[in-house]
Amino acid sequence: MIRDERSHTYRLGPALIPLGKAAANGIRLQDAAHPLLSALSARTEEDSYLVIPVGNKGLVIEKVDGPNHIKVVEEFGYEMYLHCGAIRKVLLAYQSPSFIEEYVKNCPDAKLKVKIDATVTAYYDGDYSKLVSYKGEAATVEGWGKGGAIQYEFSLTVEQLEGLGLLREIK
């Protein structure tokens, strides 16, 4: 993980290359990931998890406790839907538009599913591949400067994203 000090965001870095090589050589992913998870936990002082997508769920296959361990009921082999929990939401966000379309179609909330389909039909001609979110720096405010703010533009309404479990208000 590489941290952008200015925006306080993270991105994947070259440390993941050994994971790809390990997978290609038949090495257990957990064994290859463990040193990276340990380093991440040491640096962030938080727990680190390796979660892989399995169908519409995310599966925990490795975990390293950090020094500020929080009791979380996520153990090896624990599966939850991709819209549950931050780690899985990241996996969901990077899926293809066709995967997201199927995910929404299988949403157990029939009313929400109808609303999302209506939005996609009305604004995107029914084409889920046009559901794209954008992220960028907020515009400079005269007299205030940039301030480092990040703005997001979503293809669905806040209410729909909350209904899918992809967004929630923190009070």
C-alpha atoms as a PDB file:
ATOM      1  CA  MET A   1       0.000   0.000   0.000  1.00  0.00           C
ATOM      2  CA  ILE A   2       1.240   3.464  -0.876  1.00  0.00           C
ATOM      3  CA  ARG A   3      -0.159   6.447   1.017  1.00  0.00           C
ATOM      4  CA  ASP A   4      -0.609   9.809  -0.682  1.00  0.00           C
ATOM      5  CA  GLU A   5       0.342  12.228   2.111  1.00  0.00           C
ATOM      6  CA  ARG A   6      -1.487  15.124   0.466  1.00  0.00           C
ATOM      7  CA  SER A   7      -4.874  13.464  -0.046  1.00  0.00           C
ATOM      8  CA  HIS A   8      -4.536  10.898   2.786  1.00  0.00           C
ATOM      9  CA  THR A   9      -5.633   8.120   0.434  1.00  0.00           C
ATOM     10  CA  TYR A  10      -4.049   4.740  -0.280  1.00  0.00           C
ATOM     11  CA  ARG A  11      -3.387   2.845  -3.486  1.00  0.00           C
ATOM     12  CA  LEU A  12      -1.957  -0.542  -4.291  1.00  0.00           C
ATOM     13  CA  GLY A  13       1.772  -0.556  -4.769  1.00  0.00           C
ATOM     14  CA  PRO A  14       4.471  -2.784  -6.220  1.00  0.00           C
ATOM     15  CA  ALA A  15       4.534  -4.947  -3.086  1.00  0.00           C
ATOM     16  CA  LEU A  16       1.672  -6.956  -4.579  1.00  0.00           C
ATOM     17  CA  ILE A  17       3.876  -8.252  -7.393  1.00  0.00           C
ATOM     18  CA  PRO A  18       5.106 -11.176  -5.246  1.00  0.00           C
ATOM     19  CA  LEU A  19       1.469 -12.203  -4.704  1.00  0.00           C
ATOM     20  CA  GLY A  20       0.937 -12.465  -8.435  1.00  0.00           C
ATOM     21  CA  LYS A  21       4.150 -14.432  -8.847  1.00  0.00           C
ATOM     22  CA  ALA A  22       3.179 -16.732  -5.983  1.00  0.00           C
ATOM     23  CA  ALA A  23      -0.182 -17.443  -7.551  1.00  0.00           C
ATOM     24  CA  ALA A  24       1.471 -18.215 -10.882  1.00  0.00           C
ATOM     25  CA  ASN A  25       3.913 -20.607  -9.184  1.00  0.00           C
ATOM     26  CA  GLY A  26       1.225 -22.456  -7.223  1.00  0.00           C
ATOM     27  CA  ILE A  27       2.244 -21.040  -3.844  1.00  0.00           C
ATOM     28  CA  ARG A  28      -0.579 -20.612  -1.340  1.00  0.00           C
ATOM     29  CA  LEU A  29      -1.851 -17.038  -1.556  1.00  0.00           C
ATOM     30  CA  GLN A  30      -2.114 -16.844   2.235  1.00  0.00           C
ATOM     31  CA  ASP A  31       1.568 -17.732   2.662  1.00  0.00           C
ATOM     32  CA  ALA A  32       2.628 -15.114   0.122  1.00  0.00           C
ATOM     33  CA  ALA A  33       0.318 -12.444   1.590  1.00  0.00           C
ATOM     34  CA  HIS A  34       1.172 -12.975   5.261  1.00  0.00           C
ATOM     35  CA  PRO A  35       4.402 -10.875   5.278  1.00  0.00           C
ATOM     36  CA  LEU A  36       2.596  -8.027   3.486  1.00  0.00           C
ATOM     37  CA  LEU A  37      -0.341  -8.171   5.912  1.00  0.00           C
ATOM     38  CA  SER A  38       2.084  -8.222   8.859  1.00  0.00           C
ATOM     39  CA  ALA A  39       3.906  -5.158   7.518  1.00  0.00           C
ATOM     40  CA  LEU A  40       0.607  -3.377   6.885  1.00  0.00           C
ATOM     41  CA  SER A  41      -0.619  -4.152  10.423  1.00  0.00           C
ATOM     42  CA  ALA A  42       2.678  -2.953  11.905  1.00  0.00           C
ATOM     43  CA  ARG A  43       2.566   0.285   9.923  1.00  0.00           C
ATOM     44  CA  THR A  44      -1.122   1.098  10.455  1.00  0.00           C
ATOM     45  CA  GLU A  45      -1.344  -0.479  13.934  1.00  0.00           C
ATOM     46  CA  GLU A  46      -4.625  -2.054  12.806  1.00  0.00           C
ATOM     47  CA  ASP A  47      -5.781  -5.539  11.853  1.00  0.00           C
ATOM     48  CA  SER A  48      -5.250  -6.598   8.230  1.00  0.00           C
ATOM     49  CA  TYR A  49      -7.321  -9.082   6.257  1.00  0.00           C
ATOM     50  CA  LEU A  50      -6.969 -10.856   2.942  1.00  0.00           C
ATOM     51  CA  VAL A  51     -10.431 -11.278   1.455  1.00  0.00           C
ATOM     52  CA  ILE A  52     -11.140 -12.802  -1.943  1.00  0.00           C
ATOM     53  CA  PRO A  53     -14.385 -12.599  -3.922  1.00  0.00           C
ATOM     54  CA  VAL A  54     -16.343 -15.840  -4.174  1.00  0.00           C
ATOM     55  CA  GLY A  55     -19.492 -15.286  -6.194  1.00  0.00           C
ATOM     56  CA  ASN A  56     -21.504 -12.531  -4.476  1.00  0.00           C
ATOM     57  CA  LYS A  57     -19.586 -12.895  -1.228  1.00  0.00           C
ATOM     58  CA  GLY A  58     -16.153 -12.122   0.121  1.00  0.00           C
ATOM     59  CA  LEU A  59     -14.178 -14.855   1.882  1.00  0.00           C
ATOM     60  CA  VAL A  60     -11.564 -14.164   4.579  1.00  0.00           C
ATOM     61  CA  ILE A  61      -8.538 -16.332   3.826  1.00  0.00           C
ATOM     62  CA  GLU A  62      -5.892 -14.653   6.011  1.00  0.00           C
ATOM     63  CA  LYS A  63      -5.820 -12.273   8.953  1.00  0.00           C
ATOM     64  CA  VAL A  64      -3.064 -10.542  10.934  1.00  0.00           C
ATOM     65  CA  ASP A  65      -3.904  -8.791  14.204  1.00  0.00           C
ATOM     66  CA  GLY A  66      -2.426  -5.340  14.711  1.00  0.00           C
ATOM     67  CA  PRO A  67      -1.314  -3.910  18.058  1.00  0.00           C
ATOM     68  CA  ASN A  68      -4.670  -2.082  18.404  1.00  0.00           C
ATOM     69  CA  HIS A  69      -6.627  -5.264  17.810  1.00  0.00           C
ATOM     70  CA  ILE A  70     -10.386  -4.741  17.594  1.00  0.00           C
ATOM     71  CA  LYS A  71     -12.634  -7.697  18.320  1.00  0.00           C
ATOM     72  CA  VAL A  72     -14.221  -8.315  14.938  1.00  0.00           C
ATOM     73  CA  VAL A  73     -16.113 -11.499  14.153  1.00  0.00           C
ATOM     74  CA  GLU A  74     -14.242 -12.184  10.925  1.00  0.00           C
ATOM     75  CA  GLU A  75     -12.259 -15.366  10.921  1.00  0.00           C
ATOM     76  CA  PHE A  76     -10.841 -17.687   8.288  1.00  0.00           C
ATOM     77  CA  GLY A  77     -13.492 -19.025   5.957  1.00  0.00           C
ATOM     78  CA  TYR A  78     -16.016 -16.370   7.007  1.00  0.00           C
ATOM     79  CA  GLU A  79     -18.194 -15.323   4.045  1.00  0.00           C
ATOM     80  CA  MET A  80     -20.412 -12.233   3.790  1.00  0.00           C
ATOM     81  CA  TYR A  81     -22.087 -10.451   0.884  1.00  0.00           C
ATOM     82  CA  LEU A  82     -19.855  -7.967  -0.919  1.00  0.00           C
ATOM     83  CA  HIS A  83     -21.873  -4.940   0.195  1.00  0.00           C
ATOM     84  CA  CYS A  84     -21.197  -5.802   3.870  1.00  0.00           C
ATOM     85  CA  GLY A  85     -18.070  -4.252   5.348  1.00  0.00           C
ATOM     86  CA  ALA A  86     -15.447  -1.912   3.962  1.00  0.00           C
ATOM     87  CA  ILE A  87     -13.098  -4.599   2.635  1.00  0.00           C
ATOM     88  CA  ARG A  88     -15.837  -6.282   0.632  1.00  0.00           C
ATOM     89  CA  LYS A  89     -17.210  -2.959  -0.648  1.00  0.00           C
ATOM     90  CA  VAL A  90     -13.808  -2.277  -2.193  1.00  0.00           C
ATOM     91  CA  LEU A  91     -13.989  -5.654  -3.945  1.00  0.00           C
ATOM     92  CA  LEU A  92     -17.500  -4.832  -5.169  1.00  0.00           C
ATOM     93  CA  ALA A  93     -16.484  -1.376  -6.384  1.00  0.00           C
ATOM     94  CA  TYR A  94     -13.850  -2.883  -8.684  1.00  0.00           C
ATOM     95  CA  GLN A  95     -16.145  -5.444 -10.299  1.00  0.00           C
ATOM     96  CA  SER A  96     -17.300  -5.138 -13.898  1.00  0.00           C
ATOM     97  CA  PRO A  97     -20.556  -3.332 -14.744  1.00  0.00           C
ATOM     98  CA  SER A  98     -22.109  -6.667 -15.725  1.00  0.00           C
ATOM     99  CA  PHE A  99     -21.236  -8.120 -12.315  1.00  0.00           C
ATOM    100  CA  ILE A 100     -22.784  -5.109 -10.559  1.00  0.00           C
ATOM    101  CA  GLU A 101     -25.902  -5.444 -12.708  1.00  0.00           C
ATOM    102  CA  GLU A 102     -26.285  -9.087 -11.651  1.00  0.00           C
ATOM    103  CA  TYR A 103     -25.550  -8.170  -8.045  1.00  0.00           C
ATOM    104  CA  VAL A 104     -28.348  -5.582  -8.062  1.00  0.00           C
ATOM    105  CA  LYS A 105     -30.721  -7.998  -9.818  1.00  0.00           C
ATOM    106  CA  ASN A 106     -30.133 -10.479  -6.991  1.00  0.00           C
ATOM    107  CA  CYS A 107     -30.667  -7.828  -4.302  1.00  0.00           C
ATOM    108  CA  PRO A 108     -33.207  -9.189  -1.775  1.00  0.00           C
ATOM    109  CA  ASP A 109     -34.905  -5.750  -1.451  1.00  0.00           C
ATOM    110  CA  ALA A 110     -37.416  -5.816  -4.335  1.00  0.00           C
ATOM    111  CA  LYS A 111     -38.427  -2.137  -3.948  1.00  0.00           C
ATOM    112  CA  LEU A 112     -34.812  -0.979  -4.036  1.00  0.00           C
ATOM    113  CA  LYS A 113     -34.094  -3.157  -7.056  1.00  0.00           C
ATOM    114  CA  VAL A 114     -37.018  -1.558  -8.933  1.00  0.00           C
ATOM    115  CA  LYS A 115     -35.794   1.949  -8.046  1.00  0.00           C
ATOM    116  CA  ILE A 116     -32.247   1.228  -9.210  1.00  0.00           C
ATOM    117  CA  ASP A 117     -33.468  -0.348 -12.451  1.00  0.00           C
ATOM    118  CA  ALA A 118     -35.683   2.720 -13.033  1.00  0.00           C
ATOM    119  CA  THR A 119     -32.688   5.029 -12.470  1.00  0.00           C
ATOM    120  CA  VAL A 120     -30.487   3.054 -14.849  1.00  0.00           C
ATOM    121  CA  THR A 121     -33.257   3.022 -17.462  1.00  0.00           C
ATOM    122  CA  ALA A 122     -34.068   6.730 -17.119  1.00  0.00           C
ATOM    123  CA  TYR A 123     -30.530   8.102 -17.054  1.00  0.00           C
ATOM    124  CA  TYR A 124     -28.365   5.447 -18.703  1.00  0.00           C
ATOM    125  CA  ASP A 125     -30.708   3.853 -21.261  1.00  0.00           C
ATOM    126  CA  GLY A 126     -30.748   0.682 -19.148  1.00  0.00           C
ATOM    127  CA  ASP A 127     -26.995   0.252 -19.639  1.00  0.00           C
ATOM    128  CA  TYR A 128     -25.303  -0.709 -16.364  1.00  0.00           C
ATOM    129  CA  SER A 129     -21.878  -0.219 -17.968  1.00  0.00           C
ATOM    130  CA  LYS A 130     -22.548   3.528 -17.740  1.00  0.00           C
ATOM    131  CA  LEU A 131     -22.750   3.353 -13.920  1.00  0.00           C
ATOM    132  CA  VAL A 132     -19.430   4.999 -13.268  1.00  0.00           C
ATOM    133  CA  SER A 133     -18.336   6.864 -10.165  1.00  0.00           C
ATOM    134  CA  TYR A 134     -15.809   9.657 -10.401  1.00  0.00           C
ATOM    135  CA  LYS A 135     -13.384  10.972  -7.826  1.00  0.00           C
ATOM    136  CA  GLY A 136     -11.390  14.173  -8.024  1.00  0.00           C
ATOM    137  CA  GLU A 137     -10.076  17.163  -6.165  1.00  0.00           C
ATOM    138  CA  ALA A 138     -12.690  19.694  -5.184  1.00  0.00           C
ATOM    139  CA  ALA A 139     -12.440  23.022  -6.972  1.00  0.00           C
ATOM    140  CA  THR A 140     -10.382  25.786  -5.439  1.00  0.00           C
ATOM    141  CA  VAL A 141     -12.395  28.314  -3.429  1.00  0.00           C
ATOM    142  CA  GLU A 142     -11.148  31.863  -3.847  1.00  0.00           C
ATOM    143  CA  GLY A 143      -9.519  33.046  -0.648  1.00  0.00           C
ATOM    144  CA  TRP A 144      -9.483  29.518   0.812  1.00  0.00           C
ATOM    145  CA  GLY A 145      -7.411  27.541  -1.665  1.00  0.00           C
ATOM    146  CA  LYS A 146      -7.797  23.844  -2.381  1.00  0.00           C
ATOM    147  CA  GLY A 147      -7.787  22.522   1.154  1.00  0.00           C
ATOM    148  CA  GLY A 148      -7.237  18.938  -0.035  1.00  0.00           C
ATOM    149  CA  ALA A 149     -10.947  18.142  -0.296  1.00  0.00           C
ATOM    150  CA  ILE A 150     -11.990  15.198  -2.456  1.00  0.00           C
ATOM    151  CA  GLN A 151     -15.334  15.143  -4.225  1.00  0.00           C
ATOM    152  CA  TYR A 152     -17.218  12.118  -5.494  1.00  0.00           C
ATOM    153  CA  GLU A 153     -19.855  11.827  -8.198  1.00  0.00           C
ATOM    154  CA  PHE A 154     -22.019   8.716  -8.034  1.00  0.00           C
ATOM    155  CA  SER A 155     -24.290   7.268 -10.699  1.00  0.00           C
ATOM    156  CA  LEU A 156     -27.002   6.320  -8.187  1.00  0.00           C
ATOM    157  CA  THR A 157     -28.706   8.422  -5.534  1.00  0.00           C
ATOM    158  CA  VAL A 158     -27.457   8.448  -1.954  1.00  0.00           C
ATOM    159  CA  GLU A 159     -30.672   6.687  -0.882  1.00  0.00           C
ATOM    160  CA  GLN A 160     -30.111   3.880  -3.404  1.00  0.00           C
ATOM    161  CA  LEU A 161     -26.472   3.455  -2.381  1.00  0.00           C
ATOM    162  CA  GLU A 162     -27.553   3.335   1.279  1.00  0.00           C
ATOM    163  CA  GLY A 163     -30.229   0.774   0.420  1.00  0.00           C
ATOM    164  CA  LEU A 164     -27.641  -1.472  -1.229  1.00  0.00           C
ATOM    165  CA  GLY A 165     -25.454  -1.135   1.847  1.00  0.00           C
ATOM    166  CA  LEU A 166     -22.715   0.637  -0.118  1.00  0.00           C
ATOM    167  CA  LEU A 167     -23.021   3.919   1.774  1.00  0.00           C
ATOM    168  CA  ARG A 168     -24.135   4.954   5.235  1.00  0.00           C
ATOM    169  CA  GLU A 169     -24.248   8.136   7.261  1.00  0.00           C
ATOM    170  CA  ILE A 170     -21.887   8.380  10.211  1.00  0.00           C
ATOM    171  CA  LYS A 171     -23.203  10.597  12.998  1.00  0.00           C
END
